[in-house]
Amino acid sequence: MKESMIRRLIKLVEESNVEELEISRWGRKVRISKKARASSANDSESAAATVVSLEQPSSAPAAETPASSEAEAEAENLVAIKSPMVGTCYRAATPGAEPFAKTGQVIEKGAVVCIVEAMKLMNEIESEISGRIVKVLVEDGQPVEFGQSLFLVEPS
């Protein structure tokens, strides 16, 4: 996106009641947000700051980052089932069907826990260990990266 367009968007956000604006075009994302700065004792008004961030689309889960799930797994001696490829994760065979694996479920080594679609091919992801699923880290239909943790399992 051109600098002139970004400047126009910043001006638009500053002059409006909009707190945040996010635009995606051609694989690029621009987010502009207004945040209030802390006012000093002498200021009766708080000034607004505009934050602009340019970023590539992210496919990591918004609620949980890979680093935090790995730290959690290490702290509780859990084993992560990771995605062997980039694609879209589906937790059930068909929309509306029962998920392959749920929190609290006991699974055996080789059990299918989800499907990752990559280049129109459905790849069954099997558990490499036996144990109980402690946490599901992905939503149905969510894009996943190579090596991204999908499930945390307490080995049995």
Protein backbone atom coordinates (compact mmCIF):
# COMPACT_ATOMS: atom_id res chain seq x y z
CA MET A 1 0.00 0.00 0.00
CA LYS A 2 1.30 3.43 -0.89
CA GLU A 3 2.46 5.85 1.79
CA SER A 4 -0.03 8.49 0.61
CA MET A 5 -2.91 6.03 1.12
CA ILE A 6 -1.66 5.17 4.61
CA ARG A 7 -1.43 8.87 5.48
CA ARG A 8 -5.04 9.39 4.30
CA LEU A 9 -6.19 6.45 6.42
CA ILE A 10 -4.37 7.84 9.49
CA LYS A 11 -6.04 11.21 8.98
CA LEU A 12 -9.42 9.51 8.58
CA VAL A 13 -8.98 7.61 11.86
CA GLU A 14 -7.74 10.69 13.73
CA GLU A 15 -10.71 12.78 12.58
CA SER A 16 -13.35 10.16 13.33
CA ASN A 17 -14.70 8.30 16.34
CA VAL A 18 -13.19 5.06 15.03
CA GLU A 19 -10.70 3.57 17.52
CA GLU A 20 -9.13 1.02 15.17
CA LEU A 21 -9.09 0.35 11.43
CA GLU A 22 -7.64 -2.73 9.74
CA ILE A 23 -7.37 -3.19 5.97
CA SER A 24 -6.02 -6.22 4.09
CA ARG A 25 -4.96 -5.95 0.46
CA TRP A 26 -2.79 -8.16 -1.74
CA GLY A 27 -1.47 -10.23 1.15
CA ARG A 28 -0.56 -7.19 3.27
CA LYS A 29 -2.37 -5.95 6.33
CA VAL A 30 -2.41 -2.39 7.71
CA ARG A 31 -3.82 -1.68 11.16
CA ILE A 32 -4.28 1.85 12.46
CA SER A 33 -5.46 2.39 16.02
CA LYS A 34 -5.95 5.30 18.37
CA LYS A 35 -4.83 4.80 21.92
CA ALA A 36 -5.10 7.35 24.71
CA ARG A 37 -1.85 8.34 26.38
CA ALA A 38 -1.76 8.67 30.14
CA SER A 39 -2.36 12.31 31.07
CA SER A 40 0.01 14.08 33.45
CA ALA A 41 -1.15 15.95 36.54
CA ASN A 42 -1.01 19.28 34.64
CA ASP A 43 -2.98 18.02 31.60
CA SER A 44 -6.73 18.19 31.77
CA GLU A 45 -7.12 16.31 28.47
CA SER A 46 -5.46 13.15 27.26
CA ALA A 47 -3.90 13.30 23.83
CA ALA A 48 -4.49 10.55 21.30
CA ALA A 49 -1.64 8.64 19.73
CA THR A 50 -1.97 6.86 16.42
CA VAL A 51 -0.30 3.50 16.07
CA VAL A 52 0.25 2.10 12.59
CA SER A 53 1.44 -1.44 11.99
CA LEU A 54 2.19 -3.10 8.69
CA GLU A 55 2.25 -6.85 8.85
CA GLN A 56 2.04 -10.00 6.81
CA PRO A 57 -1.09 -12.07 7.42
CA SER A 58 -0.55 -14.31 10.38
CA SER A 59 -1.90 -17.78 10.66
CA ALA A 60 -0.93 -18.29 14.25
CA PRO A 61 -3.87 -18.44 16.65
CA ALA A 62 -4.77 -15.15 18.12
CA ALA A 63 -5.53 -16.45 21.58
CA GLU A 64 -2.41 -18.53 22.01
CA THR A 65 1.05 -18.11 20.56
CA PRO A 66 3.27 -21.11 19.81
CA ALA A 67 5.83 -19.95 22.39
CA SER A 68 3.26 -19.82 25.20
CA SER A 69 1.86 -23.28 24.39
CA GLU A 70 5.38 -24.75 24.30
CA ALA A 71 6.25 -23.14 27.64
CA GLU A 72 3.02 -24.47 29.13
CA ALA A 73 3.78 -27.96 27.80
CA GLU A 74 7.26 -27.97 29.31
CA ALA A 75 6.01 -26.67 32.67
CA GLU A 76 3.42 -29.44 32.99
CA ASN A 77 5.43 -32.25 31.29
CA LEU A 78 2.97 -32.36 28.41
CA VAL A 79 3.74 -33.49 24.86
CA ALA A 80 2.58 -31.41 21.91
CA ILE A 81 1.08 -32.98 18.80
CA LYS A 82 2.38 -30.71 16.04
CA SER A 83 1.31 -30.06 12.49
CA PRO A 84 3.63 -31.77 9.99
CA MET A 85 2.67 -29.27 7.26
CA VAL A 86 1.14 -25.93 6.39
CA GLY A 87 -2.58 -26.10 5.70
CA THR A 88 -6.05 -25.82 7.18
CA CYS A 89 -6.86 -27.86 10.28
CA TYR A 90 -10.21 -29.62 10.55
CA ARG A 91 -11.10 -31.24 13.86
CA ALA A 92 -13.89 -33.40 12.40
CA ALA A 93 -14.38 -35.44 9.22
CA THR A 94 -17.34 -33.32 8.09
CA PRO A 95 -18.87 -30.02 9.23
CA GLY A 96 -21.11 -30.61 12.23
CA ALA A 97 -19.66 -34.06 12.94
CA GLU A 98 -18.16 -35.08 16.26
CA PRO A 99 -14.47 -33.97 16.54
CA PHE A 100 -11.79 -36.66 16.26
CA ALA A 101 -10.28 -35.58 19.61
CA LYS A 102 -11.62 -33.49 22.49
CA THR A 103 -10.18 -32.12 25.72
CA GLY A 104 -10.07 -34.87 28.35
CA GLN A 105 -10.26 -37.70 25.81
CA VAL A 106 -7.83 -40.60 26.15
CA ILE A 107 -6.13 -41.44 22.86
CA GLU A 108 -3.90 -44.28 21.73
CA LYS A 109 -0.77 -44.02 19.62
CA GLY A 110 -1.80 -43.85 15.95
CA ALA A 111 -5.28 -42.44 16.64
CA VAL A 112 -6.42 -39.75 14.18
CA VAL A 113 -6.71 -36.43 16.07
CA CYS A 114 -7.48 -34.07 13.15
CA ILE A 115 -7.13 -33.52 9.41
CA VAL A 116 -4.86 -30.94 7.77
CA GLU A 117 -5.85 -29.96 4.26
CA ALA A 118 -2.90 -28.98 2.10
CA MET A 119 -3.21 -28.32 -1.63
CA LYS A 120 -6.67 -29.93 -1.76
CA LEU A 121 -5.39 -33.13 -0.12
CA MET A 122 -6.80 -34.25 3.23
CA ASN A 123 -4.02 -35.54 5.50
CA GLU A 124 -4.99 -37.41 8.67
CA ILE A 125 -2.82 -36.37 11.60
CA GLU A 126 -2.18 -39.27 13.97
CA SER A 127 -1.04 -39.15 17.57
CA GLU A 128 2.55 -40.22 18.12
CA ILE A 129 1.86 -41.05 21.77
CA SER A 130 -0.82 -42.51 24.02
CA GLY A 131 -2.31 -40.31 26.68
CA ARG A 132 -5.02 -37.84 27.65
CA ILE A 133 -5.63 -34.64 25.68
CA VAL A 134 -5.22 -31.75 28.09
CA LYS A 135 -5.71 -28.85 25.71
CA VAL A 136 -6.87 -28.29 22.13
CA LEU A 137 -4.85 -25.40 20.65
CA VAL A 138 -6.59 -24.98 17.28
CA GLU A 139 -10.10 -24.21 16.13
CA ASP A 140 -11.90 -26.03 13.34
CA GLY A 141 -11.03 -24.53 9.95
CA GLN A 142 -8.05 -22.60 11.30
CA PRO A 143 -4.91 -22.23 9.14
CA VAL A 144 -1.85 -23.90 10.70
CA GLU A 145 1.89 -23.66 10.13
CA PHE A 146 4.51 -26.38 9.93
CA GLY A 147 5.50 -27.37 13.47
CA GLN A 148 2.60 -25.52 15.13
CA SER A 149 1.28 -27.25 18.24
CA LEU A 150 -2.25 -28.58 17.72
CA PHE A 151 -2.90 -30.50 20.95
CA LEU A 152 -1.23 -30.88 24.34
CA VAL A 153 -1.22 -34.47 25.61
CA GLU A 154 -0.42 -35.86 29.04
CA PRO A 155 1.44 -39.13 28.28
CA SER A 156 0.08 -42.29 29.90
